[in-house]
């Protein structure tokens, strides 16, 4: 469909929703014994004018508390409580569902109903890929691209909403969310129009335990997201075909019996973020394991048996050591993330003037671990921190197969922007760069240096064509001019330069001459806290500020 002007139809604010609701219900919604229930029903409509109008009209003139309680209960159970609501709200949205062009798009839509709140787009697509909803693809990247296309299709059909969510400081993440009423319809479709129970959704309802929850043996997906579950039962319904089990955001969950997972032999997706982690070696079919915000002193038991694992999110803050051979067992892994959570702290910062700094991002991998990772031939995305010694005397040509990476060498304590699509290297407290680092830089797009010296020697007489962003922080040295004969621009495609806390820097021209940079493609320059700076550039013998 072509349009001349695209307009976003916004939902109503809470006070506007209430006014519209009362307009359609009449004075009955204002009765003292009815109003609390009426306000809850209006909130369940989540600002959607169609739902507010239809549901409000259906309750017009009703004064019995029981009728209002029944309507509220039905809405909370994602069921249309009368024919009018079903015909004018649920069936309208179901028509949009039926109009989706393919079965995989419909399945992706229904999968999103497992999550009661906004969820990062990448997380959703990872689940779709791991469950096989996106079909067969030669590479994970092709499956991911298909996922992006489906997200766009669903948002164009107004069945998903895209949000830029600020999780911390200036951290924005591309997320999707189902409108509450649309989610209710999705759950209704899944329950009423599928031959078997495909999903059990008990998310965000305040559960403290689940032993009383009735589960079908044929359930395909289970969501207990965002509850207050404290422990899981040893004995639970055996679900031999369940592919996804989502337990994240149960912060009180401190004990998961090993026997609990024996009930789910077919699991391909397991999310245990902000929970505890038991032995998981029996989950042989697992393809996605998300352990974000878990507190582990050692890797989970049984990881060596997860030979089908493709995506591992294990940013283990308290991890003490990793056994030799650990990474070699992850032969199918395509994405490995061992950095701090991508949702809440994409910017890392400590006092740069402090003599001590805390490792915010978990364990520093040593030489053996980094060597093992280089043998993971299916790996395309890598996010880790390394010991400084890990990059010495190493061949880094294997990094050419990585589509994206974020590698921090040493405990990098400065403010860093984490860009998932970039190829980023961060190095701190390095006095003299070794030649092996230039091998890594050949594959990098972004470079962050903190309190480092010897960078000029590293890049002299070389050309790093892929490097487009350079961030250098905290330097106490003088910037003498480079010797004659350095005619090669080592960073010919540099587009962004950030200089911060360079005490002796008098001009950016001085900096460029020191490194032999020509800035032929520079688009943005940021300079902070360079207290000796008198001007930016020399242009034709004059100072340019």
Protein backbone atom coordinates (compact mmCIF):
# COMPACT_ATOMS: atom_id res chain seq x y z
CA UNK A 1 0.00 0.00 0.00
CA UNK A 2 1.30 3.44 -0.92
CA UNK A 3 0.81 6.44 1.30
CA UNK A 4 1.66 10.08 0.83
CA UNK A 5 2.12 10.73 4.54
CA UNK A 6 2.76 8.21 7.31
CA UNK A 7 1.02 9.03 10.60
CA UNK A 8 1.46 7.16 13.86
CA UNK A 9 -1.90 6.63 15.56
CA UNK A 10 -1.04 7.02 19.22
CA UNK A 11 -2.88 5.33 22.07
CA UNK A 12 -4.68 7.43 24.64
CA UNK A 13 -3.26 8.52 27.97
CA UNK A 14 -4.82 7.06 31.11
CA UNK A 15 -7.02 10.07 31.87
CA UNK A 16 -8.13 10.28 28.23
CA UNK A 17 -8.91 6.56 28.25
CA UNK A 18 -11.05 6.96 31.35
CA UNK A 19 -12.99 9.88 29.87
CA UNK A 20 -13.73 7.91 26.69
CA UNK A 21 -14.67 4.84 28.71
CA UNK A 22 -17.14 6.78 30.88
CA UNK A 23 -18.58 8.43 27.78
CA UNK A 24 -19.51 4.98 26.48
CA UNK A 25 -20.58 3.33 29.75
CA UNK A 26 -22.60 6.21 31.06
CA UNK A 27 -22.90 7.07 34.76
CA UNK A 28 -22.81 3.46 35.91
CA UNK A 29 -18.98 3.50 35.75
CA UNK A 30 -18.95 6.32 38.30
CA UNK A 31 -20.94 4.46 40.94
CA UNK A 32 -18.96 4.08 44.14
CA UNK A 33 -19.11 0.27 44.17
CA UNK A 34 -18.42 0.04 40.41
CA UNK A 35 -15.76 2.69 39.75
CA UNK A 36 -12.68 0.74 40.99
CA UNK A 37 -13.59 -2.16 38.70
CA UNK A 38 -14.44 0.19 35.82
CA UNK A 39 -11.06 1.90 36.13
CA UNK A 40 -9.27 -1.46 36.06
CA UNK A 41 -11.18 -2.48 32.92
CA UNK A 42 -10.29 0.84 31.27
CA UNK A 43 -6.61 0.21 32.09
CA UNK A 44 -6.83 -3.27 30.55
CA UNK A 45 -7.74 -1.55 27.25
CA UNK A 46 -4.31 0.11 27.42
CA UNK A 47 -5.34 3.26 25.60
CA UNK A 48 -6.71 1.52 22.49
CA UNK A 49 -9.75 3.58 21.40
CA UNK A 50 -11.47 0.67 19.61
CA UNK A 51 -11.29 -1.54 22.68
CA UNK A 52 -12.33 1.26 25.05
CA UNK A 53 -15.36 2.15 22.92
CA UNK A 54 -16.57 -1.42 22.35
CA UNK A 55 -16.00 -2.65 25.90
CA UNK A 56 -17.36 0.54 27.43
CA UNK A 57 -20.53 0.35 25.33
CA UNK A 58 -21.02 -3.30 26.28
CA UNK A 59 -21.03 -2.34 29.98
CA UNK A 60 -23.38 0.61 29.58
CA UNK A 61 -26.09 0.70 32.25
CA UNK A 62 -24.79 -2.35 34.12
CA UNK A 63 -24.87 -1.80 37.90
CA UNK A 64 -24.28 -5.28 39.34
CA UNK A 65 -20.75 -5.74 40.72
CA UNK A 66 -20.73 -9.37 39.58
CA UNK A 67 -20.99 -8.36 35.92
CA UNK A 68 -18.07 -5.96 36.19
CA UNK A 69 -15.98 -8.51 38.06
CA UNK A 70 -16.70 -11.12 35.39
CA UNK A 71 -15.75 -8.71 32.60
CA UNK A 72 -12.46 -7.81 34.33
CA UNK A 73 -11.64 -11.47 34.98
CA UNK A 74 -12.28 -12.37 31.32
CA UNK A 75 -10.06 -9.56 30.08
CA UNK A 76 -7.24 -10.63 32.38
CA UNK A 77 -7.59 -14.18 31.07
CA UNK A 78 -7.35 -12.84 27.50
CA UNK A 79 -10.89 -13.97 26.68
CA UNK A 80 -13.72 -11.93 25.08
CA UNK A 81 -16.41 -11.75 27.74
CA UNK A 82 -19.32 -11.18 25.35
CA UNK A 83 -20.16 -11.49 21.66
CA UNK A 84 -19.92 -7.75 21.02
CA UNK A 85 -16.33 -7.60 22.26
CA UNK A 86 -15.47 -10.72 20.30
CA UNK A 87 -17.00 -9.48 17.05
CA UNK A 88 -15.80 -5.88 17.14
CA UNK A 89 -12.38 -6.18 18.83
CA UNK A 90 -11.04 -9.73 18.86
CA UNK A 91 -12.24 -10.74 15.40
CA UNK A 92 -10.95 -7.49 13.87
CA UNK A 93 -7.44 -8.20 15.19
CA UNK A 94 -7.76 -11.89 14.27
CA UNK A 95 -8.57 -10.80 10.71
CA UNK A 96 -5.21 -8.98 10.65
CA UNK A 97 -3.57 -12.15 11.96
CA UNK A 98 -5.25 -14.29 9.29
CA UNK A 99 -4.13 -11.78 6.64
CA UNK A 100 -0.45 -12.25 7.44
CA UNK A 101 1.19 -13.64 4.34
CA UNK A 102 2.83 -16.78 5.74
CA UNK A 103 2.65 -19.29 8.56
CA UNK A 104 6.08 -18.37 9.92
CA UNK A 105 5.00 -14.73 10.37
CA UNK A 106 1.90 -15.89 12.25
CA UNK A 107 4.02 -18.09 14.50
CA UNK A 108 6.42 -15.24 15.20
CA UNK A 109 3.47 -13.01 16.13
CA UNK A 110 2.11 -15.57 18.59
CA UNK A 111 5.58 -16.11 20.07
CA UNK A 112 5.74 -12.43 21.04
CA UNK A 113 2.75 -12.93 23.34
CA UNK A 114 5.03 -14.88 25.70
CA UNK A 115 6.55 -11.59 26.85
CA UNK A 116 4.41 -9.22 28.94
CA UNK A 117 6.66 -6.18 28.49
CA UNK A 118 9.01 -4.66 25.94
CA UNK A 119 11.70 -7.03 24.74
CA UNK A 120 14.84 -6.29 22.69
CA UNK A 121 14.35 -7.14 19.03
CA UNK A 122 17.55 -9.19 18.99
CA UNK A 123 16.30 -11.37 21.86
CA UNK A 124 13.05 -12.12 20.06
CA UNK A 125 14.79 -13.02 16.80
CA UNK A 126 17.29 -15.25 18.62
CA UNK A 127 14.36 -17.23 20.04
CA UNK A 128 12.65 -17.48 16.65
CA UNK A 129 15.87 -18.75 15.08
CA UNK A 130 16.58 -21.29 17.82
CA UNK A 131 13.06 -22.73 17.69
CA UNK A 132 13.28 -23.07 13.93
CA UNK A 133 10.28 -20.80 13.31
CA UNK A 134 12.20 -18.90 10.64
CA UNK A 135 12.80 -22.03 8.59
CA UNK A 136 16.03 -23.54 7.29
CA UNK A 137 18.88 -21.16 6.45
CA UNK A 138 22.51 -21.76 5.49
CA UNK A 139 23.79 -19.35 8.13
CA UNK A 140 22.51 -17.75 11.28
CA UNK A 141 22.93 -14.33 9.68
CA UNK A 142 20.46 -15.23 6.94
CA UNK A 143 17.95 -16.40 9.55
CA UNK A 144 18.48 -13.19 11.50
CA UNK A 145 17.87 -11.10 8.36
CA UNK A 146 14.59 -12.98 7.86
CA UNK A 147 13.70 -12.15 11.47
CA UNK A 148 14.28 -8.43 10.89
CA UNK A 149 11.97 -8.63 7.86
CA UNK A 150 9.24 -10.28 9.93
CA UNK A 151 9.52 -7.65 12.69
CA UNK A 152 9.04 -4.97 10.04
CA UNK A 153 6.04 -6.81 8.58
CA UNK A 154 4.36 -7.07 11.99
CA UNK A 155 5.00 -3.44 12.86
CA UNK A 156 3.67 -2.31 9.47
CA UNK A 157 0.50 -4.29 10.25
CA UNK A 158 0.28 -2.54 13.67
CA UNK A 159 0.55 -5.90 15.42
CA UNK A 160 3.83 -4.98 17.11
CA UNK A 161 5.04 -1.63 18.39
CA UNK A 162 8.69 -0.63 18.08
CA UNK A 163 10.20 1.29 20.99
CA UNK A 164 13.61 2.77 21.68
CA UNK A 165 13.99 1.92 25.37
CA UNK A 166 16.45 3.69 27.64
CA UNK A 167 17.73 0.99 29.97
CA UNK A 168 20.49 2.98 31.66
CA UNK A 169 21.99 6.44 31.27
CA UNK A 170 22.09 7.06 27.53
CA UNK A 171 21.60 3.41 26.63
CA UNK A 172 18.90 2.92 24.02
CA UNK A 173 17.85 -0.48 22.74
CA UNK A 174 15.57 -1.30 19.81
CA UNK A 175 12.66 -3.19 21.34
CA UNK A 176 9.23 -4.48 20.39
CA UNK A 177 6.06 -4.65 22.44
CA UNK A 178 2.59 -6.00 21.91
CA UNK A 179 -0.25 -3.70 22.83
CA UNK A 180 -2.06 -5.30 25.79
CA UNK A 181 -5.27 -5.89 23.83
CA UNK A 182 -3.38 -7.28 20.83
CA UNK A 183 -1.50 -9.60 23.19
CA UNK A 184 -4.80 -10.75 24.71
CA UNK A 185 -6.05 -11.60 21.22
CA UNK A 186 -2.81 -13.45 20.41
CA UNK A 187 -3.19 -15.58 23.54
CA UNK A 188 -6.87 -16.16 22.67
CA UNK A 189 -5.95 -17.28 19.15
CA UNK A 190 -3.30 -19.63 20.50
CA UNK A 191 -5.76 -21.17 22.95
CA UNK A 192 -8.84 -21.40 20.73
CA UNK A 193 -7.70 -21.95 17.15
CA UNK A 194 -4.76 -24.31 17.47
CA UNK A 195 -5.22 -28.07 17.46
CA UNK A 196 -3.07 -28.50 20.55
CA UNK A 197 -2.02 -26.19 23.37
CA UNK A 198 0.98 -24.39 21.94
CA UNK A 199 1.75 -21.99 24.78
CA UNK A 200 1.31 -21.76 28.51
CA UNK A 201 1.60 -18.10 29.46
CA UNK A 202 1.76 -17.24 33.15
CA UNK A 203 3.95 -14.16 32.93
CA UNK A 204 3.87 -11.04 35.06
CA UNK A 205 1.03 -12.20 37.33
CA UNK A 206 2.88 -12.38 40.66
CA UNK A 207 3.28 -16.15 40.95
CA UNK A 208 5.37 -17.29 43.92
CA UNK A 209 5.29 -21.00 43.03
CA UNK A 210 4.07 -23.09 40.11
CA UNK A 211 3.28 -26.54 41.49
CA UNK A 212 -0.47 -25.81 41.19
CA UNK A 213 -0.25 -24.71 37.53
CA UNK A 214 -1.94 -27.12 35.13
CA UNK A 215 0.28 -27.93 32.17
CA UNK A 216 -0.60 -29.91 29.06
CA UNK A 217 1.92 -32.57 28.09
CA UNK A 218 1.75 -31.24 24.52
CA UNK A 219 2.58 -27.61 25.36
CA UNK A 220 5.19 -26.16 22.99
CA UNK A 221 6.20 -23.03 24.91
CA UNK A 222 6.09 -22.03 28.58
CA UNK A 223 6.49 -18.49 29.90
CA UNK A 224 6.85 -17.66 33.61
CA UNK A 225 8.55 -14.32 32.89
CA UNK A 226 8.52 -11.58 35.51
CA UNK A 227 7.01 -13.34 38.51
CA UNK A 228 8.11 -13.74 42.13
CA UNK A 229 8.82 -17.47 42.00
CA UNK A 230 11.11 -18.52 44.86
CA UNK A 231 11.64 -22.20 44.02
CA UNK A 232 10.67 -24.77 41.42
CA UNK A 233 9.26 -28.23 42.22
CA UNK A 234 11.24 -31.46 41.89
CA UNK A 235 8.26 -33.15 40.31
CA UNK A 236 6.44 -31.37 37.49
CA UNK A 237 4.43 -32.34 34.42
CA UNK A 238 6.68 -34.02 31.86
CA UNK A 239 6.52 -31.96 28.66
CA UNK A 240 8.36 -33.95 26.02
CA UNK A 241 7.79 -31.48 23.14
CA UNK A 242 8.32 -28.15 24.90
CA UNK A 243 10.83 -26.10 22.91
CA UNK A 244 10.95 -22.80 24.85
CA UNK A 245 11.08 -22.28 28.62
CA UNK A 246 11.27 -18.64 29.70
CA UNK A 247 12.00 -18.09 33.40
CA UNK A 248 13.79 -14.74 33.30
CA UNK A 249 13.18 -11.90 35.74
CA UNK A 250 12.27 -14.11 38.69
CA UNK A 251 14.79 -12.43 40.96
CA UNK A 252 13.69 -14.38 44.06
CA UNK A 253 14.33 -17.73 42.41
CA UNK A 254 17.31 -19.18 44.26
CA UNK A 255 16.89 -22.89 43.76
CA UNK A 256 16.20 -24.88 40.61
CA UNK A 257 16.31 -28.66 41.21
CA UNK A 258 18.25 -30.64 38.66
CA UNK A 259 15.23 -32.90 38.27
CA UNK A 260 13.09 -30.02 37.05
CA UNK A 261 14.81 -29.88 33.66
CA UNK A 262 14.43 -33.62 33.15
CA UNK A 263 10.82 -32.82 32.27
CA UNK A 264 11.91 -30.87 29.17
CA UNK A 265 14.13 -33.10 27.00
CA UNK A 266 13.29 -31.23 23.78
CA UNK A 267 14.16 -27.70 24.95
CA UNK A 268 15.89 -25.52 22.35
CA UNK A 269 15.42 -22.15 24.13
CA UNK A 270 16.12 -21.60 27.83
CA UNK A 271 16.21 -18.18 29.47
CA UNK A 272 17.29 -18.07 33.11
CA UNK A 273 18.32 -14.42 33.33
CA UNK A 274 18.44 -13.12 36.90
CA UNK A 275 17.87 -16.58 38.37
CA UNK A 276 20.05 -19.44 39.62
CA UNK A 277 21.51 -22.06 37.29
CA UNK A 278 21.48 -25.80 38.01
CA UNK A 279 23.31 -28.54 36.03
CA UNK A 280 21.97 -28.50 32.47
CA UNK A 281 23.82 -31.35 30.77
CA UNK A 282 20.61 -33.26 30.02
CA UNK A 283 19.35 -30.57 27.64
CA UNK A 284 21.07 -32.02 24.58
CA UNK A 285 18.86 -30.16 22.08
CA UNK A 286 19.43 -26.73 23.57
CA UNK A 287 20.38 -24.06 21.01
CA UNK A 288 19.95 -20.85 23.03
CA UNK A 289 21.00 -20.42 26.66
CA UNK A 290 20.58 -16.97 28.22
CA UNK A 291 22.08 -16.62 31.69
CA UNK A 292 22.16 -12.84 31.84
CA UNK A 293 22.58 -11.35 35.32
CA UNK A 294 23.28 -14.69 36.95
CA UNK A 295 25.93 -14.94 39.65
CA UNK A 296 28.24 -17.85 38.88
CA UNK A 297 31.64 -18.67 40.33
CA UNK A 298 32.19 -21.38 37.71
CA UNK A 299 30.56 -22.33 34.39
CA UNK A 300 27.32 -24.36 34.60
CA UNK A 301 27.76 -28.11 35.01
CA UNK A 302 27.09 -30.13 31.88
CA UNK A 303 27.98 -27.43 29.35
CA UNK A 304 30.29 -29.90 27.61
CA UNK A 305 27.21 -31.93 26.63
CA UNK A 306 25.43 -29.04 24.89
CA UNK A 307 26.87 -29.81 21.48
CA UNK A 308 23.96 -28.15 19.63
CA UNK A 309 24.25 -24.83 21.47
CA UNK A 310 24.38 -21.91 19.01
CA UNK A 311 23.86 -18.83 21.20
CA UNK A 312 25.31 -18.43 24.68
CA UNK A 313 24.82 -15.34 26.83
CA UNK A 314 26.94 -15.89 29.93
CA UNK A 315 28.22 -12.55 31.30
CA UNK A 316 29.43 -14.09 34.54
CA UNK A 317 30.52 -11.28 36.86
CA UNK A 318 31.85 -13.56 39.60
CA UNK A 319 33.36 -16.25 37.39
CA UNK A 320 36.68 -17.30 38.93
CA UNK A 321 38.11 -19.67 36.35
CA UNK A 322 37.36 -21.61 33.20
CA UNK A 323 38.71 -25.11 32.73
CA UNK A 324 40.98 -25.94 29.85
CA UNK A 325 38.99 -27.30 26.91
CA UNK A 326 35.76 -25.60 27.99
CA UNK A 327 35.23 -23.61 24.78
CA UNK A 328 36.24 -26.48 22.50
CA UNK A 329 33.10 -28.34 23.60
CA UNK A 330 30.93 -25.54 22.16
CA UNK A 331 31.50 -26.71 18.61
CA UNK A 332 28.21 -25.34 17.22
CA UNK A 333 28.36 -21.94 18.90
CA UNK A 334 27.66 -18.95 16.63
CA UNK A 335 27.24 -16.14 19.16
CA UNK A 336 29.21 -15.96 22.41
CA UNK A 337 28.60 -13.10 24.83
CA UNK A 338 30.57 -12.93 28.08
CA UNK A 339 30.33 -9.19 28.61
CA UNK A 340 28.08 -7.50 31.10
CA UNK A 341 24.38 -7.41 30.35
CA UNK A 342 23.54 -5.66 27.09
CA UNK A 343 20.22 -4.46 28.48
CA UNK A 344 21.19 -2.46 31.53
CA UNK A 345 24.80 -1.31 31.30
CA UNK A 346 25.92 -0.81 27.76
CA UNK A 347 27.94 2.15 28.96
CA UNK A 348 30.59 1.30 31.53
CA UNK A 349 32.15 3.97 33.70
CA UNK A 350 34.33 4.38 36.76
CA UNK A 351 36.36 7.30 38.03
CA UNK A 352 39.21 7.65 35.57
CA UNK A 353 41.32 9.45 38.16
CA UNK A 354 41.05 6.59 40.64
CA UNK A 355 44.01 4.29 41.11
CA UNK A 356 41.74 1.30 41.39
CA UNK A 357 38.85 0.11 39.27
CA UNK A 358 36.38 -2.71 39.52
CA UNK A 359 35.89 -5.25 36.78
CA UNK A 360 32.28 -4.61 35.78
CA UNK A 361 32.21 -7.06 32.92
CA UNK A 362 33.14 -10.39 34.40
CA UNK A 363 36.11 -12.66 33.94
CA UNK A 364 39.19 -11.84 31.86
CA UNK A 365 39.89 -14.73 29.53
CA UNK A 366 43.44 -16.00 29.35
CA UNK A 367 45.61 -17.20 26.48
CA UNK A 368 44.29 -20.77 26.50
CA UNK A 369 40.64 -19.70 26.38
CA UNK A 370 41.27 -17.24 23.55
CA UNK A 371 43.10 -19.91 21.58
CA UNK A 372 40.18 -22.30 22.03
CA UNK A 373 37.71 -19.67 20.84
CA UNK A 374 39.73 -19.28 17.64
CA UNK A 375 38.89 -22.91 16.79
CA UNK A 376 35.11 -22.33 16.94
CA UNK A 377 34.57 -22.35 13.18
CA UNK A 378 30.85 -21.49 13.33
CA UNK A 379 31.43 -18.42 15.50
CA UNK A 380 30.31 -15.12 13.92
CA UNK A 381 29.63 -12.88 16.97
CA UNK A 382 32.00 -12.53 19.93
CA UNK A 383 31.81 -10.30 23.02
CA UNK A 384 34.55 -10.94 25.62
CA UNK A 385 37.25 -9.44 27.85
CA UNK A 386 40.85 -10.68 27.62
CA UNK A 387 43.96 -10.54 29.72
CA UNK A 388 46.66 -8.34 28.16
CA UNK A 389 48.92 -11.35 27.65
CA UNK A 390 46.26 -13.19 25.63
CA UNK A 391 47.03 -11.33 22.40
CA UNK A 392 50.83 -11.82 22.44
CA UNK A 393 52.38 -14.16 19.88
CA UNK A 394 49.04 -15.08 18.37
CA UNK A 395 47.75 -15.43 14.82
CA UNK A 396 44.53 -13.44 14.54
CA UNK A 397 43.64 -14.20 10.93
CA UNK A 398 40.74 -16.35 12.17
CA UNK A 399 38.95 -13.13 13.18
CA UNK A 400 38.16 -12.51 9.51
CA UNK A 401 35.13 -14.80 9.83
CA UNK A 402 33.60 -12.71 12.66
CA UNK A 403 30.71 -10.52 11.52
CA UNK A 404 30.76 -8.49 14.75
CA UNK A 405 32.81 -8.45 17.92
CA UNK A 406 33.52 -6.40 21.02
CA UNK A 407 36.85 -7.41 22.56
CA UNK A 408 38.23 -5.64 25.61
CA UNK A 409 41.89 -6.20 26.40
CA UNK A 410 42.48 -5.58 30.10
CA UNK A 411 39.96 -4.15 32.52
CA UNK A 412 38.80 -1.19 30.46
CA UNK A 413 37.26 1.25 32.97
CA UNK A 414 36.22 4.14 30.76
CA UNK A 415 32.94 5.20 29.24
CA UNK A 416 32.32 3.04 26.18
CA UNK A 417 29.47 2.94 23.71
CA UNK A 418 28.63 -0.68 22.97
CA UNK A 419 27.62 -1.05 19.32
CA UNK A 420 26.47 -4.56 18.55
CA UNK A 421 26.89 -4.21 14.80
CA UNK A 422 30.48 -2.94 15.05
CA UNK A 423 33.83 -4.68 15.29
CA UNK A 424 35.26 -3.06 18.39
CA UNK A 425 38.57 -3.42 20.24
CA UNK A 426 39.18 -1.69 23.61
CA UNK A 427 42.62 -1.58 25.23
CA UNK A 428 43.65 -0.02 28.53
CA UNK A 429 46.86 0.57 30.48
CA UNK A 430 49.22 -0.60 27.76
CA UNK A 431 52.65 1.04 27.66
CA UNK A 432 53.99 -0.54 24.48
CA UNK A 433 51.87 -2.22 21.84
CA UNK A 434 53.16 -5.44 20.35
CA UNK A 435 53.04 -6.31 16.69
CA UNK A 436 50.33 -8.93 17.16
CA UNK A 437 47.81 -6.23 17.97
CA UNK A 438 48.09 -4.85 14.44
CA UNK A 439 46.80 -8.22 13.25
CA UNK A 440 43.64 -7.73 15.33
CA UNK A 441 43.23 -4.12 14.16
CA UNK A 442 43.06 -5.26 10.55
CA UNK A 443 39.56 -6.54 11.29
CA UNK A 444 38.34 -3.73 13.56
CA UNK A 445 35.97 -0.86 12.77
CA UNK A 446 36.16 0.85 16.20
CA UNK A 447 39.17 1.28 18.50
CA UNK A 448 39.11 2.58 22.10
CA UNK A 449 42.39 3.29 23.91
CA UNK A 450 42.67 4.23 27.57
CA UNK A 451 45.94 5.30 29.19
CA UNK A 452 48.06 3.74 26.45
CA UNK A 453 51.34 4.75 24.81
CA UNK A 454 53.18 3.58 21.70
CA UNK A 455 50.21 3.78 19.36
CA UNK A 456 52.20 5.69 16.74
CA UNK A 457 54.74 2.90 16.47
CA UNK A 458 51.96 0.34 16.12
CA UNK A 459 50.30 1.99 13.11
CA UNK A 460 53.35 3.53 11.41
CA UNK A 461 53.83 2.46 7.76
CA UNK A 462 50.64 0.37 7.89
CA UNK A 463 47.15 1.03 6.62
CA UNK A 464 44.07 -0.02 8.57
CA UNK A 465 41.36 0.55 5.98
CA UNK A 466 38.50 -0.82 8.06
CA UNK A 467 39.04 1.41 11.11
CA UNK A 468 36.41 4.17 11.08
CA UNK A 469 36.20 5.22 14.74
CA UNK A 470 39.05 6.10 17.13
CA UNK A 471 38.57 7.02 20.80
CA UNK A 472 41.67 7.86 22.86
CA UNK A 473 41.26 8.69 26.53
CA UNK A 474 43.70 9.85 29.24
CA UNK A 475 47.11 10.56 27.79
CA UNK A 476 49.90 12.39 29.63
CA UNK A 477 52.56 12.44 26.92
CA UNK A 478 53.76 15.12 24.51
CA UNK A 479 52.81 14.90 20.83
CA UNK A 480 55.97 15.50 18.89
CA UNK A 481 55.72 15.69 15.10
CA UNK A 482 56.25 12.49 13.17
CA UNK A 483 59.54 12.10 11.30
CA UNK A 484 59.67 12.85 7.60
CA UNK A 485 59.01 9.92 5.32
CA UNK A 486 55.78 8.69 6.95
CA UNK A 487 53.72 9.24 3.82
CA UNK A 488 51.07 6.54 4.39
CA UNK A 489 47.87 7.58 6.13
CA UNK A 490 47.44 4.68 8.59
CA UNK A 491 43.71 5.38 9.04
CA UNK A 492 42.53 6.53 5.59
CA UNK A 493 38.83 5.88 6.30
CA UNK A 494 38.61 7.40 9.77
CA UNK A 495 35.20 9.07 10.20
CA UNK A 496 34.99 9.68 13.95
CA UNK A 497 37.66 10.86 16.40
CA UNK A 498 37.25 11.42 20.14
CA UNK A 499 40.03 12.87 22.30
CA UNK A 500 39.51 13.02 26.06
CA UNK A 501 41.83 14.06 28.89
CA UNK A 502 45.01 14.77 26.93
CA UNK A 503 46.88 17.06 29.29
CA UNK A 504 49.63 18.23 26.93
CA UNK A 505 47.66 18.42 23.68
CA UNK A 506 47.79 21.95 22.22
CA UNK A 507 45.99 21.32 18.91
CA UNK A 508 44.35 18.53 16.92
CA UNK A 509 46.81 19.32 14.11
CA UNK A 510 49.60 18.38 16.51
CA UNK A 511 47.86 15.07 17.18
CA UNK A 512 47.31 14.30 13.48
CA UNK A 513 50.93 15.10 12.61
CA UNK A 514 52.15 12.89 15.44
CA UNK A 515 50.27 9.88 14.05
CA UNK A 516 50.49 10.79 10.37
CA UNK A 517 46.72 11.13 9.95
CA UNK A 518 45.23 13.15 7.08
CA UNK A 519 41.56 13.21 8.17
CA UNK A 520 40.42 12.98 4.54
CA UNK A 521 37.11 11.35 5.53
CA UNK A 522 36.64 12.68 9.07
CA UNK A 523 32.99 13.56 9.73
CA UNK A 524 32.88 14.12 13.49
CA UNK A 525 35.40 15.32 16.07
CA UNK A 526 34.75 15.33 19.83
CA UNK A 527 37.29 16.86 22.24
CA UNK A 528 36.82 16.78 26.02
CA UNK A 529 38.94 17.93 28.97
CA UNK A 530 42.08 18.75 26.98
CA UNK A 531 43.19 21.57 29.24
CA UNK A 532 46.24 22.72 27.23
CA UNK A 533 44.31 22.97 23.96
CA UNK A 534 44.65 26.43 22.41
CA UNK A 535 43.17 25.77 18.95
CA UNK A 536 41.98 22.89 16.79
CA UNK A 537 43.83 23.11 13.48
CA UNK A 538 46.52 25.05 11.66
CA UNK A 539 45.06 26.09 8.30
CA UNK A 540 47.36 27.97 5.93
CA UNK A 541 49.59 29.12 8.76
CA UNK A 542 46.68 30.44 10.81
CA UNK A 543 44.97 28.94 13.81
CA UNK A 544 41.44 27.59 13.31
CA UNK A 545 39.32 27.21 16.41
